[in-house]
N, C-alpha and C. Protein backbone atom coordinates (compact mmCIF):
# COMPACT_ATOMS: atom_id res chain seq x y z
N LYS A 1 -78.74 -115.62 -82.83
CA LYS A 1 -78.73 -114.77 -81.65
C LYS A 1 -79.71 -115.32 -80.63
N ILE A 2 -79.35 -115.14 -79.38
CA ILE A 2 -80.25 -115.44 -78.26
C ILE A 2 -80.47 -114.12 -77.52
N TYR A 3 -81.70 -113.87 -77.15
CA TYR A 3 -82.06 -112.65 -76.45
C TYR A 3 -82.64 -113.00 -75.08
N HIS A 4 -82.57 -112.05 -74.16
CA HIS A 4 -83.29 -112.13 -72.90
C HIS A 4 -84.17 -110.89 -72.81
N CYS A 5 -85.36 -111.04 -72.23
CA CYS A 5 -86.26 -109.91 -72.08
C CYS A 5 -87.13 -110.10 -70.84
N LEU A 6 -87.64 -108.99 -70.35
CA LEU A 6 -88.61 -109.00 -69.26
C LEU A 6 -89.98 -108.72 -69.86
N VAL A 7 -90.96 -109.54 -69.49
CA VAL A 7 -92.31 -109.38 -70.01
C VAL A 7 -93.31 -109.32 -68.85
N ARG A 8 -94.47 -108.75 -69.15
CA ARG A 8 -95.56 -108.72 -68.16
C ARG A 8 -96.20 -110.10 -68.11
N GLY A 9 -96.36 -110.62 -66.90
CA GLY A 9 -97.08 -111.88 -66.70
C GLY A 9 -96.25 -113.13 -66.90
N LYS A 10 -96.94 -114.27 -66.76
CA LYS A 10 -96.33 -115.60 -66.90
C LYS A 10 -96.81 -116.24 -68.19
N PRO A 11 -95.94 -116.38 -69.18
CA PRO A 11 -96.37 -117.02 -70.42
C PRO A 11 -96.79 -118.47 -70.19
N LYS A 12 -97.89 -118.84 -70.85
CA LYS A 12 -98.37 -120.22 -70.80
C LYS A 12 -98.56 -120.69 -72.22
N PRO A 13 -97.88 -121.73 -72.60
CA PRO A 13 -97.00 -122.58 -71.80
C PRO A 13 -95.70 -121.84 -71.49
N PRO A 14 -94.91 -122.37 -70.54
CA PRO A 14 -93.66 -121.70 -70.16
C PRO A 14 -92.60 -121.72 -71.24
N ALA A 15 -92.76 -122.56 -72.25
CA ALA A 15 -91.85 -122.58 -73.40
C ALA A 15 -92.66 -122.95 -74.63
N ALA A 16 -92.34 -122.29 -75.75
CA ALA A 16 -93.08 -122.57 -76.98
C ALA A 16 -92.34 -122.00 -78.18
N THR A 17 -92.70 -122.50 -79.35
CA THR A 17 -92.28 -121.90 -80.61
C THR A 17 -93.57 -121.38 -81.25
N CYS A 18 -93.64 -120.08 -81.43
CA CYS A 18 -94.87 -119.43 -81.89
C CYS A 18 -94.73 -119.00 -83.35
N LYS A 19 -95.79 -119.24 -84.11
CA LYS A 19 -95.83 -118.90 -85.53
C LYS A 19 -96.86 -117.81 -85.76
N ALA A 20 -96.55 -116.89 -86.66
CA ALA A 20 -97.48 -115.83 -87.03
C ALA A 20 -96.98 -115.17 -88.31
N PHE A 21 -97.61 -114.06 -88.66
CA PHE A 21 -97.19 -113.27 -89.81
C PHE A 21 -97.03 -111.83 -89.35
N LEU A 22 -96.06 -111.15 -89.93
CA LEU A 22 -95.74 -109.78 -89.52
C LEU A 22 -95.96 -108.86 -90.71
N LEU A 23 -96.76 -107.81 -90.49
CA LEU A 23 -97.00 -106.78 -91.49
C LEU A 23 -96.25 -105.53 -91.08
N LYS A 24 -95.39 -105.05 -91.93
CA LYS A 24 -94.59 -103.87 -91.63
C LYS A 24 -95.28 -102.62 -92.15
N ASP A 25 -95.33 -101.58 -91.30
CA ASP A 25 -95.86 -100.28 -91.69
C ASP A 25 -94.71 -99.29 -91.59
N ALA A 26 -94.00 -99.11 -92.68
CA ALA A 26 -92.80 -98.26 -92.68
C ALA A 26 -93.15 -96.81 -92.33
N ALA A 27 -94.29 -96.32 -92.78
CA ALA A 27 -94.67 -94.93 -92.51
C ALA A 27 -94.86 -94.69 -91.01
N ALA A 28 -95.40 -95.68 -90.31
CA ALA A 28 -95.63 -95.55 -88.87
C ALA A 28 -94.46 -96.09 -88.05
N ALA A 29 -93.46 -96.64 -88.71
CA ALA A 29 -92.29 -97.23 -88.04
C ALA A 29 -92.72 -98.28 -87.02
N SER A 30 -93.68 -99.11 -87.43
CA SER A 30 -94.15 -100.17 -86.54
C SER A 30 -94.57 -101.38 -87.38
N VAL A 31 -94.91 -102.45 -86.68
CA VAL A 31 -95.36 -103.66 -87.35
C VAL A 31 -96.63 -104.14 -86.66
N ARG A 32 -97.31 -105.07 -87.32
CA ARG A 32 -98.53 -105.66 -86.76
C ARG A 32 -98.43 -107.16 -86.95
N ILE A 33 -98.81 -107.92 -85.93
CA ILE A 33 -98.82 -109.38 -85.98
C ILE A 33 -100.21 -109.84 -86.37
N VAL A 34 -100.27 -110.73 -87.37
CA VAL A 34 -101.54 -111.30 -87.82
C VAL A 34 -101.40 -112.81 -87.90
N ASP A 35 -102.53 -113.50 -87.84
CA ASP A 35 -102.54 -114.97 -87.86
C ASP A 35 -102.55 -115.55 -89.27
N ALA A 36 -102.97 -114.76 -90.26
CA ALA A 36 -103.12 -115.26 -91.63
C ALA A 36 -102.12 -114.58 -92.56
N PRO A 37 -101.76 -115.26 -93.64
CA PRO A 37 -100.79 -114.69 -94.59
C PRO A 37 -101.41 -113.62 -95.48
N LEU A 38 -101.58 -112.41 -94.95
CA LEU A 38 -102.13 -111.30 -95.72
C LEU A 38 -101.11 -110.81 -96.74
N PRO A 39 -101.54 -110.08 -97.77
CA PRO A 39 -100.59 -109.53 -98.75
C PRO A 39 -99.53 -108.66 -98.06
N GLY A 40 -98.28 -108.95 -98.33
CA GLY A 40 -97.17 -108.19 -97.74
C GLY A 40 -96.70 -108.72 -96.40
N ALA A 41 -97.44 -109.64 -95.80
CA ALA A 41 -97.06 -110.18 -94.49
C ALA A 41 -95.95 -111.22 -94.66
N LYS A 42 -95.02 -111.22 -93.71
CA LYS A 42 -93.92 -112.19 -93.74
C LYS A 42 -94.08 -113.17 -92.57
N HIS A 43 -93.79 -114.43 -92.84
CA HIS A 43 -93.87 -115.49 -91.84
C HIS A 43 -92.83 -115.25 -90.76
N ILE A 44 -93.20 -115.43 -89.49
CA ILE A 44 -92.25 -115.32 -88.38
C ILE A 44 -92.36 -116.53 -87.45
N LEU A 45 -91.24 -116.88 -86.86
CA LEU A 45 -91.15 -117.94 -85.84
C LEU A 45 -90.36 -117.38 -84.67
N THR A 46 -90.94 -117.44 -83.49
CA THR A 46 -90.29 -116.95 -82.28
C THR A 46 -90.36 -118.05 -81.22
N ALA A 47 -89.20 -118.49 -80.76
CA ALA A 47 -89.15 -119.51 -79.70
C ALA A 47 -88.77 -118.82 -78.40
N TYR A 48 -89.48 -119.18 -77.32
CA TYR A 48 -89.14 -118.61 -76.01
C TYR A 48 -89.17 -119.70 -74.96
N GLU A 49 -88.46 -119.45 -73.88
CA GLU A 49 -88.57 -120.29 -72.69
C GLU A 49 -88.50 -119.36 -71.48
N THR A 50 -89.29 -119.68 -70.47
CA THR A 50 -89.33 -118.87 -69.26
C THR A 50 -88.16 -119.26 -68.37
N VAL A 51 -87.36 -118.27 -68.01
CA VAL A 51 -86.22 -118.48 -67.12
C VAL A 51 -86.65 -118.26 -65.68
N GLU A 52 -87.39 -117.17 -65.44
CA GLU A 52 -87.97 -116.86 -64.12
C GLU A 52 -89.40 -116.41 -64.35
N ALA A 53 -90.35 -117.02 -63.65
CA ALA A 53 -91.76 -116.67 -63.82
C ALA A 53 -92.25 -115.84 -62.64
N GLY A 54 -93.13 -114.91 -62.94
CA GLY A 54 -93.73 -114.08 -61.90
C GLY A 54 -94.64 -113.05 -62.53
N ASP A 55 -95.00 -112.02 -61.76
CA ASP A 55 -95.79 -110.93 -62.34
C ASP A 55 -95.03 -110.33 -63.51
N VAL A 56 -93.71 -110.31 -63.38
CA VAL A 56 -92.80 -109.98 -64.47
C VAL A 56 -91.94 -111.22 -64.67
N SER A 57 -91.83 -111.71 -65.90
CA SER A 57 -91.06 -112.92 -66.17
C SER A 57 -89.85 -112.61 -67.04
N LEU A 58 -88.78 -113.33 -66.77
CA LEU A 58 -87.57 -113.25 -67.58
C LEU A 58 -87.62 -114.37 -68.60
N LEU A 59 -87.51 -114.03 -69.89
CA LEU A 59 -87.57 -115.02 -70.95
C LEU A 59 -86.25 -115.07 -71.71
N ARG A 60 -85.96 -116.25 -72.21
CA ARG A 60 -84.86 -116.47 -73.16
C ARG A 60 -85.54 -116.67 -74.50
N VAL A 61 -85.16 -115.88 -75.50
CA VAL A 61 -85.85 -115.89 -76.80
C VAL A 61 -84.85 -116.20 -77.91
N HIS A 62 -85.26 -117.09 -78.81
CA HIS A 62 -84.47 -117.42 -79.98
C HIS A 62 -85.30 -117.10 -81.20
N LEU A 63 -84.79 -116.19 -82.02
CA LEU A 63 -85.49 -115.85 -83.26
C LEU A 63 -85.14 -116.88 -84.33
N LEU A 64 -86.14 -117.53 -84.85
CA LEU A 64 -85.93 -118.47 -85.94
C LEU A 64 -86.08 -117.76 -87.28
N THR A 65 -86.70 -116.59 -87.24
CA THR A 65 -86.71 -115.64 -88.35
C THR A 65 -86.32 -114.31 -87.71
N GLY A 66 -85.79 -113.42 -88.46
CA GLY A 66 -85.37 -112.13 -87.88
C GLY A 66 -86.02 -110.97 -88.61
N ARG A 67 -87.12 -110.52 -88.09
CA ARG A 67 -87.86 -109.42 -88.71
C ARG A 67 -87.87 -108.20 -87.80
N THR A 68 -88.16 -107.06 -88.39
CA THR A 68 -88.23 -105.79 -87.66
C THR A 68 -89.19 -105.90 -86.48
N HIS A 69 -88.70 -105.58 -85.29
CA HIS A 69 -89.50 -105.54 -84.05
C HIS A 69 -90.17 -106.88 -83.73
N GLN A 70 -89.65 -107.97 -84.24
CA GLN A 70 -90.31 -109.26 -84.11
C GLN A 70 -90.58 -109.66 -82.66
N ILE A 71 -89.57 -109.61 -81.81
CA ILE A 71 -89.76 -110.03 -80.41
C ILE A 71 -90.77 -109.11 -79.73
N ARG A 72 -90.58 -107.82 -79.87
CA ARG A 72 -91.46 -106.86 -79.21
C ARG A 72 -92.92 -107.04 -79.63
N ALA A 73 -93.16 -107.10 -80.93
CA ALA A 73 -94.53 -107.21 -81.42
C ALA A 73 -95.14 -108.58 -81.15
N HIS A 74 -94.34 -109.65 -81.33
CA HIS A 74 -94.88 -110.99 -81.15
C HIS A 74 -95.24 -111.25 -79.68
N MET A 75 -94.36 -110.86 -78.76
CA MET A 75 -94.66 -111.08 -77.34
C MET A 75 -95.88 -110.25 -76.92
N ALA A 76 -96.00 -109.03 -77.42
CA ALA A 76 -97.18 -108.20 -77.11
C ALA A 76 -98.44 -108.86 -77.65
N ALA A 77 -98.37 -109.41 -78.87
CA ALA A 77 -99.53 -110.09 -79.46
C ALA A 77 -99.91 -111.33 -78.67
N LEU A 78 -98.94 -111.95 -78.01
CA LEU A 78 -99.20 -113.12 -77.18
C LEU A 78 -99.72 -112.73 -75.78
N GLY A 79 -99.82 -111.43 -75.52
CA GLY A 79 -100.33 -110.95 -74.24
C GLY A 79 -99.27 -110.71 -73.20
N HIS A 80 -98.00 -110.70 -73.61
CA HIS A 80 -96.88 -110.51 -72.68
C HIS A 80 -95.92 -109.46 -73.23
N PRO A 81 -96.35 -108.17 -73.19
CA PRO A 81 -95.49 -107.13 -73.74
C PRO A 81 -94.20 -106.96 -72.93
N LEU A 82 -93.16 -106.51 -73.61
CA LEU A 82 -91.88 -106.27 -72.95
C LEU A 82 -91.96 -105.04 -72.06
N LEU A 83 -91.32 -105.11 -70.92
CA LEU A 83 -91.22 -103.95 -70.06
C LEU A 83 -90.37 -102.89 -70.76
N GLY A 84 -90.78 -101.66 -70.62
CA GLY A 84 -90.06 -100.55 -71.23
C GLY A 84 -90.45 -100.28 -72.67
N ASP A 85 -91.35 -101.06 -73.23
CA ASP A 85 -91.76 -100.89 -74.63
C ASP A 85 -93.04 -100.06 -74.69
N ASP A 86 -92.88 -98.78 -75.03
CA ASP A 86 -94.05 -97.91 -75.12
C ASP A 86 -94.76 -98.03 -76.47
N LEU A 87 -94.11 -98.59 -77.48
CA LEU A 87 -94.74 -98.72 -78.79
C LEU A 87 -95.71 -99.90 -78.83
N TYR A 88 -95.29 -101.07 -78.38
CA TYR A 88 -96.14 -102.27 -78.42
C TYR A 88 -96.62 -102.69 -77.03
N GLY A 89 -96.07 -102.08 -76.00
CA GLY A 89 -96.32 -102.54 -74.64
C GLY A 89 -97.32 -101.71 -73.87
N ASP A 90 -97.11 -101.67 -72.57
CA ASP A 90 -98.03 -101.05 -71.61
C ASP A 90 -97.36 -99.82 -71.01
N ARG A 91 -97.61 -98.65 -71.61
CA ARG A 91 -96.97 -97.40 -71.19
C ARG A 91 -97.27 -97.07 -69.72
N ARG A 92 -98.52 -97.27 -69.30
CA ARG A 92 -98.88 -96.95 -67.90
C ARG A 92 -98.11 -97.83 -66.93
N LEU A 93 -97.99 -99.12 -67.24
CA LEU A 93 -97.23 -100.03 -66.39
C LEU A 93 -95.76 -99.62 -66.35
N ASN A 94 -95.19 -99.28 -67.49
CA ASN A 94 -93.79 -98.85 -67.54
C ASN A 94 -93.57 -97.63 -66.65
N ARG A 95 -94.50 -96.67 -66.68
CA ARG A 95 -94.37 -95.46 -65.84
C ARG A 95 -94.51 -95.82 -64.36
N ARG A 96 -95.49 -96.68 -64.06
CA ARG A 96 -95.72 -97.05 -62.65
C ARG A 96 -94.51 -97.77 -62.07
N LEU A 97 -93.89 -98.65 -62.86
CA LEU A 97 -92.73 -99.42 -62.39
C LEU A 97 -91.42 -98.66 -62.59
N LYS A 98 -91.52 -97.45 -63.18
CA LYS A 98 -90.34 -96.61 -63.44
C LYS A 98 -89.32 -97.31 -64.35
N VAL A 99 -89.85 -98.04 -65.32
CA VAL A 99 -89.00 -98.70 -66.32
C VAL A 99 -88.82 -97.72 -67.47
N ARG A 100 -87.61 -97.26 -67.66
CA ARG A 100 -87.35 -96.22 -68.66
C ARG A 100 -86.64 -96.75 -69.91
N ARG A 101 -86.28 -98.02 -69.91
CA ARG A 101 -85.58 -98.61 -71.04
C ARG A 101 -86.26 -99.90 -71.47
N LEU A 102 -86.10 -100.20 -72.73
CA LEU A 102 -86.62 -101.46 -73.25
C LEU A 102 -85.83 -102.60 -72.62
N CYS A 103 -86.51 -103.52 -71.99
CA CYS A 103 -85.86 -104.66 -71.31
C CYS A 103 -85.70 -105.82 -72.29
N LEU A 104 -84.82 -105.63 -73.25
CA LEU A 104 -84.51 -106.62 -74.29
C LEU A 104 -83.04 -106.51 -74.61
N CYS A 105 -82.34 -107.64 -74.60
CA CYS A 105 -80.90 -107.62 -74.86
C CYS A 105 -80.47 -108.90 -75.56
N ALA A 106 -79.68 -108.75 -76.63
CA ALA A 106 -79.05 -109.92 -77.26
C ALA A 106 -77.93 -110.36 -76.32
N THR A 107 -77.99 -111.59 -75.85
CA THR A 107 -77.01 -112.06 -74.87
C THR A 107 -76.04 -113.09 -75.44
N SER A 108 -76.32 -113.58 -76.65
CA SER A 108 -75.45 -114.60 -77.23
C SER A 108 -75.56 -114.56 -78.75
N ILE A 109 -74.43 -114.70 -79.41
CA ILE A 109 -74.43 -114.81 -80.87
C ILE A 109 -73.39 -115.84 -81.28
N THR A 110 -73.78 -116.72 -82.18
CA THR A 110 -72.88 -117.72 -82.73
C THR A 110 -72.64 -117.36 -84.19
N LEU A 111 -71.37 -117.25 -84.56
CA LEU A 111 -71.02 -116.82 -85.90
C LEU A 111 -70.99 -117.97 -86.90
N ASP A 112 -71.43 -117.67 -88.10
CA ASP A 112 -71.35 -118.60 -89.22
C ASP A 112 -70.95 -117.78 -90.43
N THR A 113 -69.67 -117.82 -90.79
CA THR A 113 -69.18 -117.03 -91.92
C THR A 113 -69.15 -117.85 -93.20
N HIS A 114 -69.68 -119.06 -93.15
CA HIS A 114 -69.70 -119.97 -94.31
C HIS A 114 -68.29 -120.19 -94.87
N GLY A 115 -67.31 -120.24 -93.95
CA GLY A 115 -65.94 -120.52 -94.35
C GLY A 115 -65.10 -119.31 -94.68
N ALA A 116 -65.70 -118.13 -94.77
CA ALA A 116 -64.93 -116.92 -95.09
C ALA A 116 -63.93 -116.58 -93.98
N LEU A 117 -64.31 -116.85 -92.75
CA LEU A 117 -63.43 -116.66 -91.60
C LEU A 117 -63.48 -117.94 -90.76
N PRO A 118 -62.78 -118.98 -91.19
CA PRO A 118 -62.92 -120.30 -90.57
C PRO A 118 -62.61 -120.33 -89.08
N ARG A 119 -61.74 -119.45 -88.59
CA ARG A 119 -61.42 -119.45 -87.16
C ARG A 119 -62.59 -118.94 -86.32
N LEU A 120 -63.51 -118.23 -86.96
CA LEU A 120 -64.67 -117.71 -86.23
C LEU A 120 -65.92 -118.56 -86.41
N ASP A 121 -65.96 -119.40 -87.42
CA ASP A 121 -67.14 -120.24 -87.64
C ASP A 121 -67.44 -121.09 -86.41
N GLY A 122 -68.68 -121.00 -85.97
CA GLY A 122 -69.11 -121.78 -84.81
C GLY A 122 -68.75 -121.16 -83.48
N LYS A 123 -68.03 -120.05 -83.47
CA LYS A 123 -67.64 -119.40 -82.21
C LYS A 123 -68.83 -118.62 -81.64
N THR A 124 -69.06 -118.80 -80.35
CA THR A 124 -70.16 -118.13 -79.67
C THR A 124 -69.61 -117.07 -78.73
N PHE A 125 -70.21 -115.88 -78.80
CA PHE A 125 -69.87 -114.78 -77.91
C PHE A 125 -71.09 -114.52 -77.02
N GLN A 126 -70.83 -114.33 -75.72
CA GLN A 126 -71.93 -114.15 -74.77
C GLN A 126 -71.65 -112.97 -73.85
N ILE A 127 -72.74 -112.34 -73.39
CA ILE A 127 -72.67 -111.35 -72.33
C ILE A 127 -73.75 -111.71 -71.31
N PRO A 128 -73.57 -111.33 -70.06
CA PRO A 128 -74.63 -111.61 -69.08
C PRO A 128 -75.84 -110.72 -69.33
N CYS A 129 -76.98 -111.21 -68.94
CA CYS A 129 -78.21 -110.43 -69.04
C CYS A 129 -78.08 -109.20 -68.13
N PRO A 130 -78.29 -107.99 -68.65
CA PRO A 130 -78.05 -106.78 -67.85
C PRO A 130 -79.18 -106.39 -66.90
N PHE A 131 -80.25 -107.13 -66.90
CA PHE A 131 -81.36 -106.77 -66.01
C PHE A 131 -81.88 -108.02 -65.32
N SER A 132 -82.65 -107.79 -64.28
CA SER A 132 -83.20 -108.88 -63.48
C SER A 132 -84.71 -108.75 -63.46
N SER A 133 -85.38 -109.85 -63.24
CA SER A 133 -86.84 -109.80 -63.18
C SER A 133 -87.34 -109.44 -61.79
N GLN A 134 -86.47 -108.98 -60.94
CA GLN A 134 -86.85 -108.65 -59.57
C GLN A 134 -87.55 -107.28 -59.52
N ILE A 135 -88.83 -107.25 -59.82
CA ILE A 135 -89.65 -106.04 -59.71
C ILE A 135 -90.27 -106.06 -58.32
N LYS A 136 -90.10 -104.95 -57.61
CA LYS A 136 -90.47 -104.89 -56.19
C LYS A 136 -91.96 -104.99 -55.91
N GLU A 137 -92.78 -104.38 -56.76
CA GLU A 137 -94.21 -104.36 -56.45
C GLU A 137 -94.99 -105.27 -57.40
N PRO A 138 -96.10 -105.81 -56.92
CA PRO A 138 -96.90 -106.66 -57.81
C PRO A 138 -97.56 -105.82 -58.90
N ILE A 139 -97.77 -106.45 -60.03
CA ILE A 139 -98.43 -105.77 -61.15
C ILE A 139 -99.91 -105.93 -60.94
């Protein structure tokens, strides 16, 4: 899957593959990103590239691992929380910009059925990104 999201700020570098560990807290329905392999932590890899840079940037994200809340938590840990994310992000900024939805969308998926459905293997389905990084006021 390929995702697009809006984040606060300009990620530096503009493209990277980031490694970390994710600790899941099922009771709190959230996760925490850590740098070291703590007990129960799972390795994560998140690749991003900046499509449009600004006070709010549009990113293209490829999950190399797929964990609960991975994009949301990892981008917030990198200092670039997703717009509309009140759990890992900046609630005050979301209210000020009147962002009421999480600005994260899967925009592409390539199927691999391992031969079970050969006509679909390698087929990619895409949708356009439903939001724009055009935020009217500076952050």
